[in-house]
Amino acid sequence: MEIPVLMFLSSQDKVVDIQTSLETAERNFLDRQIVLYKDRKGPRVPHHLMAPSVSPVAKDVENRMKKFISAH
């Protein structure tokens, strides 16, 4: 049985290397959904996609997680 994986990445992230993260997910998970937020305006932040105070996509992340959990 494959475990479903939902991964969020942002080009604004100061911590994660996007290419390495994508390659690792593709190598290790067959049932994966990857959401890549590209070219967002605003300051680069250290890995806080869910913090509304610094992330313009926080609500979208929350909604996608709820949908993913409901589907699995």
PDB file of N, CA and C in Angstrom:
ATOM      1  N   MET A   1       0.832  -1.180   0.000  1.00  0.00           N
ATOM      2  CA  MET A   1       0.000   0.000   0.000  1.00  0.00           C
ATOM      3  C   MET A   1       0.884   1.254   0.000  1.00  0.00           C
ATOM      4  N   GLU A   2       0.597   2.145  -0.899  1.00  0.00           N
ATOM      5  CA  GLU A   2       1.329   3.409  -0.968  1.00  0.00           C
ATOM      6  C   GLU A   2       0.670   4.433  -0.043  1.00  0.00           C
ATOM      7  N   ILE A   3       1.493   5.168   0.622  1.00  0.00           N
ATOM      8  CA  ILE A   3       1.005   6.227   1.500  1.00  0.00           C
ATOM      9  C   ILE A   3       0.930   7.509   0.692  1.00  0.00           C
ATOM     10  N   PRO A   4      -0.236   8.153   0.658  1.00  0.00           N
ATOM     11  CA  PRO A   4      -0.352   9.399  -0.099  1.00  0.00           C
ATOM     12  C   PRO A   4       0.417  10.530   0.594  1.00  0.00           C
ATOM     13  N   VAL A   5       1.067  11.349  -0.215  1.00  0.00           N
ATOM     14  CA  VAL A   5       1.892  12.435   0.303  1.00  0.00           C
ATOM     15  C   VAL A   5       1.477  13.740  -0.370  1.00  0.00           C
ATOM     16  N   LEU A   6       1.319  14.765   0.423  1.00  0.00           N
ATOM     17  CA  LEU A   6       1.054  16.108  -0.077  1.00  0.00           C
ATOM     18  C   LEU A   6       2.222  16.984   0.345  1.00  0.00           C
ATOM     19  N   MET A   7       2.886  17.589  -0.625  1.00  0.00           N
ATOM     20  CA  MET A   7       4.066  18.412  -0.337  1.00  0.00           C
ATOM     21  C   MET A   7       3.841  19.820  -0.874  1.00  0.00           C
ATOM     22  N   PHE A   8       4.151  20.796  -0.044  1.00  0.00           N
ATOM     23  CA  PHE A   8       4.077  22.192  -0.448  1.00  0.00           C
ATOM     24  C   PHE A   8       5.491  22.756  -0.516  1.00  0.00           C
ATOM     25  N   LEU A   9       5.783  23.463  -1.608  1.00  0.00           N
ATOM     26  CA  LEU A   9       7.072  24.121  -1.770  1.00  0.00           C
ATOM     27  C   LEU A   9       6.829  25.544  -2.254  1.00  0.00           C
ATOM     28  N   SER A  10       7.738  26.422  -1.895  1.00  0.00           N
ATOM     29  CA  SER A  10       7.622  27.810  -2.324  1.00  0.00           C
ATOM     30  C   SER A  10       8.975  28.339  -2.778  1.00  0.00           C
ATOM     31  N   SER A  11       8.960  29.065  -3.884  1.00  0.00           N
ATOM     32  CA  SER A  11      10.191  29.681  -4.362  1.00  0.00           C
ATOM     33  C   SER A  11      10.658  30.781  -3.415  1.00  0.00           C
ATOM     34  N   GLN A  12       9.808  31.192  -2.492  1.00  0.00           N
ATOM     35  CA  GLN A  12      10.161  32.221  -1.509  1.00  0.00           C
ATOM     36  C   GLN A  12      10.866  31.635  -0.283  1.00  0.00           C
ATOM     37  N   ASP A  13      10.930  30.324  -0.191  1.00  0.00           N
ATOM     38  CA  ASP A  13      11.518  29.659   0.970  1.00  0.00           C
ATOM     39  C   ASP A  13      13.030  29.859   1.005  1.00  0.00           C
ATOM     40  N   LYS A  14      13.554  30.259   2.145  1.00  0.00           N
ATOM     41  CA  LYS A  14      14.996  30.465   2.315  1.00  0.00           C
ATOM     42  C   LYS A  14      15.717  29.184   2.741  1.00  0.00           C
ATOM     43  N   VAL A  15      14.976  28.160   3.133  1.00  0.00           N
ATOM     44  CA  VAL A  15      15.567  26.978   3.743  1.00  0.00           C
ATOM     45  C   VAL A  15      15.683  25.799   2.773  1.00  0.00           C
ATOM     46  N   VAL A  16      14.661  25.558   1.996  1.00  0.00           N
ATOM     47  CA  VAL A  16      14.560  24.359   1.175  1.00  0.00           C
ATOM     48  C   VAL A  16      15.142  24.584  -0.221  1.00  0.00           C
ATOM     49  N   ASP A  17      15.855  23.594  -0.708  1.00  0.00           N
ATOM     50  CA  ASP A  17      16.288  23.597  -2.094  1.00  0.00           C
ATOM     51  C   ASP A  17      15.186  22.906  -2.906  1.00  0.00           C
ATOM     52  N   ILE A  18      14.529  23.657  -3.762  1.00  0.00           N
ATOM     53  CA  ILE A  18      13.365  23.155  -4.485  1.00  0.00           C
ATOM     54  C   ILE A  18      13.700  21.915  -5.319  1.00  0.00           C
ATOM     55  N   GLN A  19      14.748  21.970  -6.095  1.00  0.00           N
ATOM     56  CA  GLN A  19      15.087  20.847  -6.975  1.00  0.00           C
ATOM     57  C   GLN A  19      15.367  19.572  -6.181  1.00  0.00           C
ATOM     58  N   THR A  20      16.114  19.688  -5.107  1.00  0.00           N
ATOM     59  CA  THR A  20      16.400  18.521  -4.267  1.00  0.00           C
ATOM     60  C   THR A  20      15.121  17.957  -3.666  1.00  0.00           C
ATOM     61  N   SER A  21      14.244  18.825  -3.213  1.00  0.00           N
ATOM     62  CA  SER A  21      12.979  18.388  -2.627  1.00  0.00           C
ATOM     63  C   SER A  21      12.120  17.656  -3.647  1.00  0.00           C
ATOM     64  N   LEU A  22      12.034  18.201  -4.851  1.00  0.00           N
ATOM     65  CA  LEU A  22      11.253  17.546  -5.908  1.00  0.00           C
ATOM     66  C   LEU A  22      11.837  16.180  -6.261  1.00  0.00           C
ATOM     67  N   GLU A  23      13.142  16.117  -6.420  1.00  0.00           N
ATOM     68  CA  GLU A  23      13.786  14.845  -6.760  1.00  0.00           C
ATOM     69  C   GLU A  23      13.601  13.806  -5.656  1.00  0.00           C
ATOM     70  N   THR A  24      13.712  14.224  -4.424  1.00  0.00           N
ATOM     71  CA  THR A  24      13.534  13.305  -3.297  1.00  0.00           C
ATOM     72  C   THR A  24      12.110  12.779  -3.243  1.00  0.00           C
ATOM     73  N   ALA A  25      11.135  13.655  -3.417  1.00  0.00           N
ATOM     74  CA  ALA A  25       9.734  13.231  -3.405  1.00  0.00           C
ATOM     75  C   ALA A  25       9.448  12.272  -4.554  1.00  0.00           C
ATOM     76  N   GLU A  26       9.950  12.580  -5.735  1.00  0.00           N
ATOM     77  CA  GLU A  26       9.720  11.720  -6.888  1.00  0.00           C
ATOM     78  C   GLU A  26      10.380  10.358  -6.731  1.00  0.00           C
ATOM     79  N   ARG A  27      11.513  10.331  -6.091  1.00  0.00           N
ATOM     80  CA  ARG A  27      12.240   9.076  -5.885  1.00  0.00           C
ATOM     81  C   ARG A  27      11.594   8.208  -4.802  1.00  0.00           C
ATOM     82  N   ASN A  28      10.994   8.818  -3.799  1.00  0.00           N
ATOM     83  CA  ASN A  28      10.547   8.062  -2.629  1.00  0.00           C
ATOM     84  C   ASN A  28       9.040   7.852  -2.490  1.00  0.00           C
ATOM     85  N   PHE A  29       8.244   8.579  -3.238  1.00  0.00           N
ATOM     86  CA  PHE A  29       6.790   8.476  -3.079  1.00  0.00           C
ATOM     87  C   PHE A  29       6.111   8.316  -4.432  1.00  0.00           C
ATOM     88  N   LEU A  30       5.335   7.249  -4.571  1.00  0.00           N
ATOM     89  CA  LEU A  30       4.605   7.032  -5.811  1.00  0.00           C
ATOM     90  C   LEU A  30       3.293   7.805  -5.841  1.00  0.00           C
ATOM     91  N   ASP A  31       2.621   7.854  -4.713  1.00  0.00           N
ATOM     92  CA  ASP A  31       1.325   8.537  -4.618  1.00  0.00           C
ATOM     93  C   ASP A  31       1.565   9.913  -3.995  1.00  0.00           C
ATOM     94  N   ARG A  32       1.940  10.874  -4.830  1.00  0.00           N
ATOM     95  CA  ARG A  32       2.314  12.184  -4.315  1.00  0.00           C
ATOM     96  C   ARG A  32       1.594  13.295  -5.059  1.00  0.00           C
ATOM     97  N   GLN A  33       1.328  14.345  -4.319  1.00  0.00           N
ATOM     98  CA  GLN A  33       0.831  15.586  -4.898  1.00  0.00           C
ATOM     99  C   GLN A  33       1.785  16.678  -4.434  1.00  0.00           C
ATOM    100  N   ILE A  34       2.303  17.420  -5.387  1.00  0.00           N
ATOM    101  CA  ILE A  34       3.254  18.474  -5.062  1.00  0.00           C
ATOM    102  C   ILE A  34       2.675  19.807  -5.510  1.00  0.00           C
ATOM    103  N   VAL A  35       2.610  20.734  -4.574  1.00  0.00           N
ATOM    104  CA  VAL A  35       2.129  22.080  -4.864  1.00  0.00           C
ATOM    105  C   VAL A  35       3.333  23.007  -4.767  1.00  0.00           C
ATOM    106  N   LEU A  36       3.655  23.654  -5.884  1.00  0.00           N
ATOM    107  CA  LEU A  36       4.791  24.570  -5.916  1.00  0.00           C
ATOM    108  C   LEU A  36       4.278  25.985  -6.141  1.00  0.00           C
ATOM    109  N   TYR A  37       4.477  26.821  -5.148  1.00  0.00           N
ATOM    110  CA  TYR A  37       4.109  28.228  -5.266  1.00  0.00           C
ATOM    111  C   TYR A  37       5.318  28.964  -5.823  1.00  0.00           C
ATOM    112  N   LYS A  38       5.164  29.519  -7.025  1.00  0.00           N
ATOM    113  CA  LYS A  38       6.282  30.181  -7.699  1.00  0.00           C
ATOM    114  C   LYS A  38       6.126  31.696  -7.673  1.00  0.00           C
ATOM    115  N   ASP A  39       7.254  32.361  -7.648  1.00  0.00           N
ATOM    116  CA  ASP A  39       7.329  33.801  -7.881  1.00  0.00           C
ATOM    117  C   ASP A  39       6.293  34.621  -7.115  1.00  0.00           C
ATOM    118  N   ARG A  40       6.164  34.368  -5.849  1.00  0.00           N
ATOM    119  CA  ARG A  40       5.263  35.158  -5.011  1.00  0.00           C
ATOM    120  C   ARG A  40       5.928  36.468  -4.628  1.00  0.00           C
ATOM    121  N   LYS A  41       5.138  37.492  -4.532  1.00  0.00           N
ATOM    122  CA  LYS A  41       5.669  38.781  -4.107  1.00  0.00           C
ATOM    123  C   LYS A  41       5.802  38.804  -2.596  1.00  0.00           C
ATOM    124  N   GLY A  42       6.612  39.700  -2.125  1.00  0.00           N
ATOM    125  CA  GLY A  42       6.808  39.821  -0.686  1.00  0.00           C
ATOM    126  C   GLY A  42       8.163  39.294  -0.276  1.00  0.00           C
ATOM    127  N   PRO A  43       8.467  39.424   0.989  1.00  0.00           N
ATOM    128  CA  PRO A  43       9.786  39.006   1.472  1.00  0.00           C
ATOM    129  C   PRO A  43       9.940  37.485   1.460  1.00  0.00           C
ATOM    130  N   ARG A  44      11.158  37.036   1.252  1.00  0.00           N
ATOM    131  CA  ARG A  44      11.431  35.605   1.371  1.00  0.00           C
ATOM    132  C   ARG A  44      11.377  35.254   2.854  1.00  0.00           C
ATOM    133  N   VAL A  45      10.765  34.144   3.155  1.00  0.00           N
ATOM    134  CA  VAL A  45      10.584  33.740   4.547  1.00  0.00           C
ATOM    135  C   VAL A  45      11.174  32.360   4.780  1.00  0.00           C
ATOM    136  N   PRO A  46      11.565  32.070   6.012  1.00  0.00           N
ATOM    137  CA  PRO A  46      12.163  30.768   6.310  1.00  0.00           C
ATOM    138  C   PRO A  46      11.125  29.677   6.569  1.00  0.00           C
ATOM    139  N   HIS A  47      10.469  29.235   5.499  1.00  0.00           N
ATOM    140  CA  HIS A  47       9.715  27.990   5.585  1.00  0.00           C
ATOM    141  C   HIS A  47       8.407  28.094   6.367  1.00  0.00           C
ATOM    142  N   HIS A  48       7.661  29.157   6.210  1.00  0.00           N
ATOM    143  CA  HIS A  48       6.417  29.332   6.976  1.00  0.00           C
ATOM    144  C   HIS A  48       5.217  29.530   6.059  1.00  0.00           C
ATOM    145  N   LEU A  49       4.912  28.566   5.239  1.00  0.00           N
ATOM    146  CA  LEU A  49       3.787  28.690   4.313  1.00  0.00           C
ATOM    147  C   LEU A  49       2.443  28.793   5.018  1.00  0.00           C
ATOM    148  N   MET A  50       2.330  28.280   6.231  1.00  0.00           N
ATOM    149  CA  MET A  50       1.039  28.269   6.918  1.00  0.00           C
ATOM    150  C   MET A  50       0.834  29.447   7.856  1.00  0.00           C
ATOM    151  N   ALA A  51       1.791  30.323   7.968  1.00  0.00           N
ATOM    152  CA  ALA A  51       1.663  31.466   8.870  1.00  0.00           C
ATOM    153  C   ALA A  51       1.081  32.651   8.107  1.00  0.00           C
ATOM    154  N   PRO A  52      -0.175  32.993   8.338  1.00  0.00           N
ATOM    155  CA  PRO A  52      -0.801  34.091   7.598  1.00  0.00           C
ATOM    156  C   PRO A  52      -0.059  35.422   7.726  1.00  0.00           C
ATOM    157  N   SER A  53       0.667  35.601   8.801  1.00  0.00           N
ATOM    158  CA  SER A  53       1.377  36.865   8.995  1.00  0.00           C
ATOM    159  C   SER A  53       2.521  37.059   8.003  1.00  0.00           C
ATOM    160  N   VAL A  54       3.042  35.982   7.431  1.00  0.00           N
ATOM    161  CA  VAL A  54       4.152  36.091   6.480  1.00  0.00           C
ATOM    162  C   VAL A  54       3.891  35.390   5.153  1.00  0.00           C
ATOM    163  N   SER A  55       2.802  34.661   5.039  1.00  0.00           N
ATOM    164  CA  SER A  55       2.554  33.880   3.827  1.00  0.00           C
ATOM    165  C   SER A  55       1.232  34.264   3.166  1.00  0.00           C
ATOM    166  N   PRO A  56       1.301  34.790   1.945  1.00  0.00           N
ATOM    167  CA  PRO A  56       0.068  35.116   1.233  1.00  0.00           C
ATOM    168  C   PRO A  56      -0.702  33.877   0.763  1.00  0.00           C
ATOM    169  N   VAL A  57      -0.100  32.699   0.867  1.00  0.00           N
ATOM    170  CA  VAL A  57      -0.768  31.470   0.423  1.00  0.00           C
ATOM    171  C   VAL A  57      -1.253  30.606   1.587  1.00  0.00           C
ATOM    172  N   ALA A  58      -1.219  31.123   2.794  1.00  0.00           N
ATOM    173  CA  ALA A  58      -1.574  30.329   3.980  1.00  0.00           C
ATOM    174  C   ALA A  58      -2.975  29.730   3.880  1.00  0.00           C
ATOM    175  N   LYS A  59      -3.942  30.500   3.445  1.00  0.00           N
ATOM    176  CA  LYS A  59      -5.319  29.989   3.356  1.00  0.00           C
ATOM    177  C   LYS A  59      -5.437  28.914   2.272  1.00  0.00           C
ATOM    178  N   ASP A  60      -4.714  29.092   1.173  1.00  0.00           N
ATOM    179  CA  ASP A  60      -4.727  28.087   0.116  1.00  0.00           C
ATOM    180  C   ASP A  60      -4.110  26.782   0.605  1.00  0.00           C
ATOM    181  N   VAL A  61      -3.026  26.875   1.359  1.00  0.00           N
ATOM    182  CA  VAL A  61      -2.397  25.686   1.933  1.00  0.00           C
ATOM    183  C   VAL A  61      -3.399  24.959   2.831  1.00  0.00           C
ATOM    184  N   GLU A  62      -4.055  25.706   3.693  1.00  0.00           N
ATOM    185  CA  GLU A  62      -5.050  25.113   4.599  1.00  0.00           C
ATOM    186  C   GLU A  62      -6.164  24.418   3.808  1.00  0.00           C
ATOM    187  N   ASN A  63      -6.695  25.079   2.791  1.00  0.00           N
ATOM    188  CA  ASN A  63      -7.783  24.493   1.999  1.00  0.00           C
ATOM    189  C   ASN A  63      -7.333  23.236   1.258  1.00  0.00           C
ATOM    190  N   ARG A  64      -6.138  23.264   0.694  1.00  0.00           N
ATOM    191  CA  ARG A  64      -5.632  22.083  -0.030  1.00  0.00           C
ATOM    192  C   ARG A  64      -5.386  20.912   0.922  1.00  0.00           C
ATOM    193  N   MET A  65      -4.898  21.215   2.125  1.00  0.00           N
ATOM    194  CA  MET A  65      -4.684  20.139   3.098  1.00  0.00           C
ATOM    195  C   MET A  65      -6.009  19.495   3.502  1.00  0.00           C
ATOM    196  N   LYS A  66      -7.008  20.313   3.752  1.00  0.00           N
ATOM    197  CA  LYS A  66      -8.316  19.770   4.123  1.00  0.00           C
ATOM    198  C   LYS A  66      -8.885  18.888   3.008  1.00  0.00           C
ATOM    199  N   LYS A  67      -8.748  19.340   1.776  1.00  0.00           N
ATOM    200  CA  LYS A  67      -9.238  18.569   0.632  1.00  0.00           C
ATOM    201  C   LYS A  67      -8.483  17.255   0.495  1.00  0.00           C
ATOM    202  N   PHE A  68      -7.153  17.303   0.668  1.00  0.00           N
ATOM    203  CA  PHE A  68      -6.319  16.108   0.563  1.00  0.00           C
ATOM    204  C   PHE A  68      -6.690  15.094   1.649  1.00  0.00           C
ATOM    205  N   ILE A  69      -6.833  15.569   2.874  1.00  0.00           N
ATOM    206  CA  ILE A  69      -7.180  14.683   3.992  1.00  0.00           C
ATOM    207  C   ILE A  69      -8.559  14.067   3.767  1.00  0.00           C
ATOM    208  N   SER A  70      -9.511  14.859   3.305  1.00  0.00           N
ATOM    209  CA  SER A  70     -10.855  14.347   3.053  1.00  0.00           C
ATOM    210  C   SER A  70     -10.866  13.289   1.950  1.00  0.00           C
ATOM    211  N   ALA A  71      -9.986  13.460   0.975  1.00  0.00           N
ATOM    212  CA  ALA A  71      -9.939  12.526  -0.150  1.00  0.00           C
ATOM    213  C   ALA A  71      -9.260  11.204   0.198  1.00  0.00           C
ATOM    214  N   HIS A  72      -8.487  11.210   1.281  1.00  0.00           N
ATOM    215  CA  HIS A  72      -7.755   9.999   1.630  1.00  0.00           C
ATOM    216  C   HIS A  72      -8.226   9.471   2.965  1.00  0.00           C
TER     217      HIS A  72
END
